[in-house]
């Protein structure tokens, strides 16, 4: 099983769509607050459709609390536009965590600097960035592809 982690997500439909991706792949969704919305918002439920009830996301108050819960043998990949290591160069394993930052800020620079070998990127035109749900789908399905071949 894989884990998708959203650090301070801000847009309910993105989180709902990512919930659908997690449901479709059997991945666990982790949400690290503070969230930019309420989990009972209509937009979140609409994007997640009927899957949201079955998803049961794991909620965390802070990145530190989340990180302390990660098994020592699990890998935590940080997805960012601020590195050169492309996501398909990673050899994903069951139990890996794919961490995505908020839609407007991404992941904190301090986290990226402290963990440069764990950073992955999706190649894209300079100055542009993908929608959070799209980026999550790209990386999550590469991990699924590697684990099912």
N, C-alpha and C. Protein backbone atom coordinates (compact mmCIF):
# COMPACT_ATOMS: atom_id res chain seq x y z
N UNK A 1 0.84 -1.18 0.00
CA UNK A 1 0.00 0.00 0.00
C UNK A 1 0.89 1.25 0.00
N UNK A 2 0.44 2.25 -0.68
CA UNK A 2 1.13 3.54 -0.72
C UNK A 2 0.39 4.55 0.14
N UNK A 3 1.05 5.65 0.44
CA UNK A 3 0.48 6.72 1.24
C UNK A 3 0.63 8.04 0.51
N UNK A 4 -0.45 8.79 0.43
CA UNK A 4 -0.43 10.13 -0.14
C UNK A 4 -0.64 11.10 1.02
N UNK A 5 0.27 12.07 1.11
CA UNK A 5 0.24 13.02 2.22
C UNK A 5 0.08 14.42 1.65
N UNK A 6 -0.93 15.15 2.14
CA UNK A 6 -1.14 16.54 1.73
C UNK A 6 -0.84 17.43 2.93
N UNK A 7 0.15 18.28 2.78
CA UNK A 7 0.53 19.21 3.83
C UNK A 7 -0.19 20.54 3.62
N UNK A 8 -1.10 20.85 4.50
CA UNK A 8 -1.88 22.09 4.48
C UNK A 8 -2.60 22.35 3.16
N UNK A 9 -3.39 21.38 2.70
CA UNK A 9 -4.13 21.62 1.45
C UNK A 9 -5.12 22.77 1.65
N UNK A 10 -5.39 23.49 0.56
CA UNK A 10 -6.21 24.70 0.64
C UNK A 10 -7.52 24.63 -0.14
N UNK A 11 -7.58 23.78 -1.16
CA UNK A 11 -8.71 23.80 -2.09
C UNK A 11 -9.49 22.49 -1.98
N UNK A 12 -10.73 22.55 -1.47
CA UNK A 12 -11.50 21.32 -1.24
C UNK A 12 -11.63 20.39 -2.46
N UNK A 13 -11.93 20.90 -3.67
CA UNK A 13 -12.05 19.96 -4.79
C UNK A 13 -10.76 19.21 -5.10
N UNK A 14 -9.61 19.83 -4.90
CA UNK A 14 -8.35 19.11 -5.11
C UNK A 14 -8.24 17.94 -4.15
N UNK A 15 -8.53 18.21 -2.88
CA UNK A 15 -8.44 17.15 -1.87
C UNK A 15 -9.46 16.06 -2.16
N UNK A 16 -10.66 16.43 -2.58
CA UNK A 16 -11.67 15.43 -2.94
C UNK A 16 -11.22 14.57 -4.10
N UNK A 17 -10.64 15.19 -5.12
CA UNK A 17 -10.14 14.43 -6.27
C UNK A 17 -8.98 13.51 -5.89
N UNK A 18 -8.12 13.99 -5.02
CA UNK A 18 -7.00 13.17 -4.55
C UNK A 18 -7.53 12.00 -3.72
N UNK A 19 -8.60 12.25 -2.96
CA UNK A 19 -9.25 11.17 -2.24
C UNK A 19 -9.74 10.08 -3.18
N UNK A 20 -10.29 10.49 -4.32
CA UNK A 20 -10.74 9.51 -5.32
C UNK A 20 -9.57 8.71 -5.86
N UNK A 21 -8.44 9.39 -6.11
CA UNK A 21 -7.24 8.68 -6.57
C UNK A 21 -6.78 7.65 -5.54
N UNK A 22 -6.80 8.05 -4.28
CA UNK A 22 -6.39 7.12 -3.21
C UNK A 22 -7.34 5.93 -3.15
N UNK A 23 -8.62 6.19 -3.25
CA UNK A 23 -9.60 5.10 -3.22
C UNK A 23 -9.37 4.14 -4.38
N UNK A 24 -9.11 4.67 -5.57
CA UNK A 24 -8.93 3.85 -6.76
C UNK A 24 -7.66 3.01 -6.71
N UNK A 25 -6.66 3.46 -5.98
CA UNK A 25 -5.38 2.75 -5.94
C UNK A 25 -5.15 2.00 -4.63
N UNK A 26 -6.03 2.18 -3.66
CA UNK A 26 -5.84 1.54 -2.37
C UNK A 26 -4.84 2.26 -1.49
N UNK A 27 -4.48 3.49 -1.87
CA UNK A 27 -3.54 4.29 -1.07
C UNK A 27 -4.26 4.91 0.13
N UNK A 28 -3.49 5.17 1.17
CA UNK A 28 -4.02 5.86 2.35
C UNK A 28 -3.77 7.35 2.18
N UNK A 29 -4.80 8.15 2.45
CA UNK A 29 -4.68 9.60 2.38
C UNK A 29 -4.42 10.16 3.77
N UNK A 30 -3.35 10.95 3.89
CA UNK A 30 -3.01 11.64 5.13
C UNK A 30 -3.16 13.13 4.89
N UNK A 31 -3.85 13.82 5.79
CA UNK A 31 -4.04 15.27 5.70
C UNK A 31 -3.39 15.92 6.91
N UNK A 32 -2.43 16.80 6.64
CA UNK A 32 -1.74 17.50 7.71
C UNK A 32 -2.22 18.94 7.76
N UNK A 33 -2.73 19.34 8.91
CA UNK A 33 -3.28 20.68 9.08
C UNK A 33 -2.25 21.72 9.41
N UNK A 34 -2.73 22.94 9.46
CA UNK A 34 -4.14 23.28 9.36
C UNK A 34 -4.63 23.19 7.91
N UNK A 35 -5.85 22.70 7.77
CA UNK A 35 -6.47 22.59 6.46
C UNK A 35 -7.10 23.93 6.09
N UNK A 36 -7.16 24.23 4.82
CA UNK A 36 -7.76 25.48 4.37
C UNK A 36 -9.25 25.39 4.17
N UNK A 37 -9.89 24.37 4.73
CA UNK A 37 -11.31 24.13 4.55
C UNK A 37 -11.77 23.14 5.62
N UNK A 38 -13.06 22.97 5.70
CA UNK A 38 -13.66 22.00 6.62
C UNK A 38 -13.86 20.69 5.88
N UNK A 39 -13.67 19.58 6.55
CA UNK A 39 -13.86 18.28 5.91
C UNK A 39 -15.30 17.97 5.58
N UNK A 40 -16.22 18.77 6.08
CA UNK A 40 -17.62 18.53 5.73
C UNK A 40 -18.12 19.49 4.65
N UNK A 41 -17.20 20.22 4.02
CA UNK A 41 -17.61 21.14 2.96
C UNK A 41 -18.20 20.38 1.77
N UNK A 42 -19.24 20.96 1.22
CA UNK A 42 -19.94 20.35 0.10
C UNK A 42 -19.01 20.12 -1.10
N UNK A 43 -18.12 21.07 -1.38
CA UNK A 43 -17.21 20.94 -2.52
C UNK A 43 -16.28 19.74 -2.37
N UNK A 44 -15.85 19.47 -1.17
CA UNK A 44 -14.98 18.32 -0.91
C UNK A 44 -15.75 17.03 -1.16
N UNK A 45 -16.94 16.94 -0.61
CA UNK A 45 -17.76 15.74 -0.77
C UNK A 45 -18.13 15.53 -2.24
N UNK A 46 -18.44 16.62 -2.94
CA UNK A 46 -18.83 16.51 -4.35
C UNK A 46 -17.67 15.97 -5.18
N UNK A 47 -16.46 16.49 -4.95
CA UNK A 47 -15.30 16.02 -5.71
C UNK A 47 -14.95 14.58 -5.37
N UNK A 48 -15.14 14.20 -4.11
CA UNK A 48 -14.85 12.84 -3.68
C UNK A 48 -15.97 11.87 -3.98
N UNK A 49 -17.10 12.42 -4.38
CA UNK A 49 -18.31 11.63 -4.67
C UNK A 49 -18.61 10.68 -3.52
N UNK A 50 -19.09 9.51 -3.83
CA UNK A 50 -19.47 8.58 -2.77
C UNK A 50 -18.27 7.87 -2.16
N UNK A 51 -17.08 8.09 -2.70
CA UNK A 51 -15.89 7.43 -2.16
C UNK A 51 -15.45 8.03 -0.83
N UNK A 52 -15.79 9.28 -0.59
CA UNK A 52 -15.25 9.98 0.59
C UNK A 52 -15.62 9.26 1.88
N UNK A 53 -16.82 8.70 1.95
CA UNK A 53 -17.25 7.99 3.16
C UNK A 53 -16.39 6.76 3.43
N UNK A 54 -15.89 6.13 2.39
CA UNK A 54 -15.08 4.92 2.52
C UNK A 54 -13.60 5.21 2.70
N UNK A 55 -13.20 6.44 2.50
CA UNK A 55 -11.79 6.78 2.47
C UNK A 55 -11.14 6.84 3.85
N UNK A 56 -11.78 7.44 4.80
CA UNK A 56 -11.25 7.60 6.16
C UNK A 56 -9.83 8.16 6.17
N UNK A 57 -9.65 9.42 5.76
CA UNK A 57 -8.30 9.99 5.76
C UNK A 57 -7.74 10.07 7.17
N UNK A 58 -6.42 9.95 7.26
CA UNK A 58 -5.72 10.06 8.54
C UNK A 58 -5.38 11.54 8.72
N UNK A 59 -5.78 12.11 9.84
CA UNK A 59 -5.57 13.53 10.09
C UNK A 59 -4.43 13.75 11.07
N UNK A 60 -3.59 14.75 10.76
CA UNK A 60 -2.44 15.09 11.59
C UNK A 60 -2.46 16.58 11.88
N UNK A 61 -2.05 16.96 13.09
CA UNK A 61 -2.00 18.37 13.48
C UNK A 61 -0.78 19.09 12.92
N UNK A 62 0.31 18.34 12.72
CA UNK A 62 1.55 18.98 12.25
C UNK A 62 2.39 17.97 11.48
N UNK A 63 3.33 18.49 10.71
CA UNK A 63 4.24 17.61 9.97
C UNK A 63 5.09 16.81 10.94
N UNK A 64 5.48 17.42 12.03
CA UNK A 64 6.33 16.74 13.02
C UNK A 64 5.61 15.52 13.62
N UNK A 65 4.34 15.69 13.93
CA UNK A 65 3.54 14.58 14.48
C UNK A 65 3.41 13.47 13.45
N UNK A 66 3.12 13.86 12.21
CA UNK A 66 3.03 12.88 11.13
C UNK A 66 4.36 12.13 10.99
N UNK A 67 5.46 12.88 10.89
CA UNK A 67 6.78 12.28 10.64
C UNK A 67 7.17 11.31 11.75
N UNK A 68 6.81 11.63 12.98
CA UNK A 68 7.13 10.75 14.11
C UNK A 68 6.38 9.42 14.01
N UNK A 69 5.28 9.39 13.26
CA UNK A 69 4.47 8.16 13.14
C UNK A 69 4.96 7.25 12.02
N UNK A 70 5.79 7.76 11.13
CA UNK A 70 6.23 6.99 9.97
C UNK A 70 7.21 5.90 10.42
N UNK A 71 6.96 4.66 10.01
CA UNK A 71 7.91 3.59 10.37
C UNK A 71 9.32 3.91 9.89
N UNK A 72 10.31 3.50 10.65
CA UNK A 72 11.70 3.84 10.33
C UNK A 72 12.16 3.28 8.99
N UNK A 73 11.55 2.19 8.53
CA UNK A 73 11.96 1.61 7.25
C UNK A 73 11.19 2.15 6.06
N UNK A 74 10.23 3.05 6.31
CA UNK A 74 9.44 3.64 5.21
C UNK A 74 10.16 4.85 4.64
N UNK A 75 9.94 5.09 3.36
CA UNK A 75 10.55 6.25 2.71
C UNK A 75 9.51 7.35 2.52
N UNK A 76 9.94 8.57 2.71
CA UNK A 76 9.08 9.74 2.57
C UNK A 76 9.62 10.56 1.40
N UNK A 77 8.88 10.59 0.30
CA UNK A 77 9.28 11.34 -0.88
C UNK A 77 8.61 12.71 -0.85
N UNK A 78 9.37 13.75 -1.12
CA UNK A 78 8.87 15.13 -1.11
C UNK A 78 8.74 15.61 -2.55
N UNK A 79 7.54 15.93 -2.97
CA UNK A 79 7.31 16.37 -4.34
C UNK A 79 7.36 17.88 -4.42
N UNK A 80 8.21 18.37 -5.34
CA UNK A 80 8.47 19.80 -5.42
C UNK A 80 8.87 20.19 -6.84
N UNK A 81 8.74 21.46 -7.16
CA UNK A 81 9.27 21.98 -8.42
C UNK A 81 10.71 22.45 -8.24
N UNK A 82 11.23 22.34 -7.02
CA UNK A 82 12.53 22.93 -6.68
C UNK A 82 13.65 21.89 -6.56
N UNK A 83 13.66 20.91 -7.46
CA UNK A 83 14.76 19.95 -7.49
C UNK A 83 14.90 19.43 -8.91
N UNK A 84 15.92 18.61 -9.13
CA UNK A 84 16.18 18.09 -10.48
C UNK A 84 15.91 16.59 -10.61
N UNK A 85 15.68 15.89 -9.50
CA UNK A 85 15.47 14.44 -9.55
C UNK A 85 14.02 14.14 -9.97
N UNK A 86 13.85 13.57 -11.17
CA UNK A 86 12.51 13.32 -11.68
C UNK A 86 11.87 12.12 -10.99
N UNK A 87 10.57 12.15 -10.87
CA UNK A 87 9.84 11.14 -10.11
C UNK A 87 10.03 9.73 -10.66
N UNK A 88 10.20 9.58 -11.97
CA UNK A 88 10.32 8.23 -12.53
C UNK A 88 11.69 7.61 -12.25
N UNK A 89 12.64 8.40 -11.73
CA UNK A 89 13.94 7.84 -11.36
C UNK A 89 13.91 7.16 -9.99
N UNK A 90 12.86 7.39 -9.23
CA UNK A 90 12.72 6.76 -7.92
C UNK A 90 12.26 5.31 -8.10
N UNK A 91 12.74 4.44 -7.24
CA UNK A 91 12.27 3.06 -7.19
C UNK A 91 11.30 2.98 -6.02
N UNK A 92 10.02 3.08 -6.31
CA UNK A 92 9.01 3.12 -5.27
C UNK A 92 8.83 1.73 -4.66
N UNK A 93 8.50 1.72 -3.36
CA UNK A 93 8.24 0.49 -2.63
C UNK A 93 6.91 0.60 -1.90
N UNK A 94 6.32 -0.53 -1.61
CA UNK A 94 5.11 -0.53 -0.79
C UNK A 94 5.41 0.17 0.53
N UNK A 95 4.45 0.96 0.98
CA UNK A 95 4.63 1.67 2.24
C UNK A 95 5.25 3.05 2.09
N UNK A 96 5.69 3.41 0.88
CA UNK A 96 6.26 4.75 0.66
C UNK A 96 5.20 5.82 0.90
N UNK A 97 5.67 7.00 1.28
CA UNK A 97 4.83 8.17 1.49
C UNK A 97 5.17 9.20 0.42
N UNK A 98 4.17 9.70 -0.27
CA UNK A 98 4.34 10.74 -1.29
C UNK A 98 3.76 12.02 -0.70
N UNK A 99 4.63 12.98 -0.40
CA UNK A 99 4.21 14.20 0.30
C UNK A 99 4.12 15.36 -0.68
N UNK A 100 2.95 16.01 -0.69
CA UNK A 100 2.70 17.16 -1.55
C UNK A 100 2.35 18.35 -0.67
N UNK A 101 2.82 19.53 -1.06
CA UNK A 101 2.54 20.75 -0.32
C UNK A 101 1.24 21.40 -0.75
N UNK A 102 0.95 22.53 -0.14
CA UNK A 102 -0.28 23.25 -0.46
C UNK A 102 -0.23 23.81 -1.88
N UNK A 103 -1.41 24.13 -2.38
CA UNK A 103 -1.54 24.61 -3.75
C UNK A 103 -0.79 25.91 -4.00
N UNK A 104 -0.74 26.81 -3.04
CA UNK A 104 -0.12 28.12 -3.28
C UNK A 104 1.32 28.22 -2.79
N UNK A 105 1.70 27.38 -1.85
CA UNK A 105 3.05 27.51 -1.27
C UNK A 105 3.96 26.31 -1.51
N UNK A 106 3.40 25.17 -1.85
CA UNK A 106 4.22 23.97 -1.98
C UNK A 106 4.72 23.54 -0.61
N UNK A 107 5.82 22.80 -0.60
CA UNK A 107 6.41 22.34 0.65
C UNK A 107 7.37 23.40 1.19
N UNK A 108 7.52 23.47 2.51
CA UNK A 108 8.44 24.46 3.10
C UNK A 108 9.87 24.25 2.61
N UNK A 109 10.53 25.33 2.30
CA UNK A 109 11.92 25.28 1.84
C UNK A 109 12.82 24.55 2.84
N UNK A 110 12.59 24.78 4.12
CA UNK A 110 13.42 24.14 5.15
C UNK A 110 13.34 22.62 5.07
N UNK A 111 12.18 22.09 4.75
CA UNK A 111 11.99 20.65 4.62
C UNK A 111 12.76 20.12 3.42
N UNK A 112 12.73 20.85 2.32
CA UNK A 112 13.43 20.44 1.10
C UNK A 112 14.94 20.48 1.30
N UNK A 113 15.43 21.54 1.93
CA UNK A 113 16.87 21.69 2.17
C UNK A 113 17.39 20.60 3.11
N UNK A 114 16.59 20.23 4.10
CA UNK A 114 17.00 19.21 5.08
C UNK A 114 16.96 17.79 4.50
N UNK A 115 16.25 17.60 3.38
CA UNK A 115 16.07 16.26 2.81
C UNK A 115 16.26 16.24 1.30
N UNK A 116 17.38 16.74 0.78
CA UNK A 116 17.53 16.87 -0.67
C UNK A 116 17.46 15.54 -1.44
N UNK A 117 17.90 14.45 -0.84
CA UNK A 117 17.88 13.16 -1.54
C UNK A 117 16.48 12.57 -1.64
N UNK A 118 15.54 13.12 -0.89
CA UNK A 118 14.18 12.61 -0.88
C UNK A 118 13.24 13.44 -1.75
N UNK A 119 13.76 14.43 -2.44
CA UNK A 119 12.94 15.33 -3.27
C UNK A 119 12.80 14.79 -4.68
N UNK A 120 11.59 14.87 -5.20
CA UNK A 120 11.28 14.45 -6.57
C UNK A 120 10.49 15.56 -7.25
N UNK A 121 10.62 15.62 -8.57
CA UNK A 121 9.89 16.62 -9.34
C UNK A 121 9.24 16.00 -10.57
N UNK A 122 8.26 16.69 -11.10
CA UNK A 122 7.63 16.36 -12.37
C UNK A 122 8.13 17.41 -13.36
N UNK A 123 8.83 16.99 -14.42
CA UNK A 123 9.33 17.98 -15.37
C UNK A 123 8.18 18.79 -15.98
N UNK A 124 8.40 20.10 -16.07
CA UNK A 124 7.40 20.99 -16.65
C UNK A 124 8.07 22.29 -17.09
N UNK A 125 7.40 23.04 -17.88
CA UNK A 125 7.93 24.31 -18.38
C UNK A 125 8.22 25.22 -17.20
N UNK A 126 9.38 25.86 -17.23
CA UNK A 126 9.78 26.77 -16.14
C UNK A 126 8.72 27.84 -15.92
N UNK A 127 8.46 28.12 -14.66
CA UNK A 127 7.48 29.15 -14.32
C UNK A 127 6.06 28.65 -14.27
N UNK A 128 5.85 27.38 -14.53
CA UNK A 128 4.50 26.79 -14.51
C UNK A 128 4.45 25.72 -13.43
N UNK A 129 3.25 25.40 -13.02
CA UNK A 129 3.08 24.28 -12.10
C UNK A 129 1.75 23.60 -12.38
N UNK A 130 1.69 22.33 -12.06
CA UNK A 130 0.50 21.54 -12.30
C UNK A 130 -0.49 21.67 -11.15
N UNK A 131 -1.74 21.40 -11.44
CA UNK A 131 -2.75 21.31 -10.41
C UNK A 131 -2.34 20.20 -9.44
N UNK A 132 -2.62 20.39 -8.15
CA UNK A 132 -2.20 19.44 -7.12
C UNK A 132 -2.76 18.04 -7.37
N UNK A 133 -4.02 17.93 -7.75
CA UNK A 133 -4.61 16.61 -8.00
C UNK A 133 -3.97 15.95 -9.22
N UNK A 134 -3.66 16.73 -10.24
CA UNK A 134 -3.00 16.20 -11.43
C UNK A 134 -1.61 15.68 -11.07
N UNK A 135 -0.85 16.48 -10.34
CA UNK A 135 0.50 16.08 -9.93
C UNK A 135 0.46 14.81 -9.09
N UNK A 136 -0.48 14.75 -8.18
CA UNK A 136 -0.61 13.56 -7.33
C UNK A 136 -0.91 12.33 -8.18
N UNK A 137 -1.81 12.46 -9.12
CA UNK A 137 -2.15 11.33 -9.99
C UNK A 137 -0.97 10.84 -10.80
N UNK A 138 -0.18 11.76 -11.32
CA UNK A 138 0.99 11.39 -12.12
C UNK A 138 1.95 10.53 -11.30
N UNK A 139 2.31 11.01 -10.13
CA UNK A 139 3.31 10.32 -9.31
C UNK A 139 2.74 9.05 -8.69
N UNK A 140 1.51 9.12 -8.19
CA UNK A 140 0.90 7.95 -7.58
C UNK A 140 0.79 6.80 -8.58
N UNK A 141 0.37 7.08 -9.80
CA UNK A 141 0.22 6.00 -10.77
C UNK A 141 1.56 5.49 -11.28
N UNK A 142 2.61 6.29 -11.25
CA UNK A 142 3.95 5.75 -11.55
C UNK A 142 4.35 4.77 -10.47
N UNK A 143 4.09 5.10 -9.22
CA UNK A 143 4.41 4.19 -8.11
C UNK A 143 3.60 2.90 -8.26
N UNK A 144 2.31 3.02 -8.56
CA UNK A 144 1.47 1.84 -8.76
C UNK A 144 2.01 1.01 -9.91
N UNK A 145 2.39 1.65 -11.03
CA UNK A 145 2.93 0.94 -12.18
C UNK A 145 4.16 0.12 -11.78
N UNK A 146 5.07 0.76 -11.05
CA UNK A 146 6.29 0.06 -10.64
C UNK A 146 5.97 -1.11 -9.72
N UNK A 147 4.99 -0.97 -8.88
CA UNK A 147 4.68 -2.03 -7.90
C UNK A 147 3.87 -3.17 -8.49
N UNK A 148 3.32 -2.98 -9.68
CA UNK A 148 2.49 -4.04 -10.27
C UNK A 148 3.13 -4.69 -11.49
N UNK A 149 4.37 -4.33 -11.80
CA UNK A 149 4.98 -4.97 -12.98
C UNK A 149 5.69 -6.24 -12.64
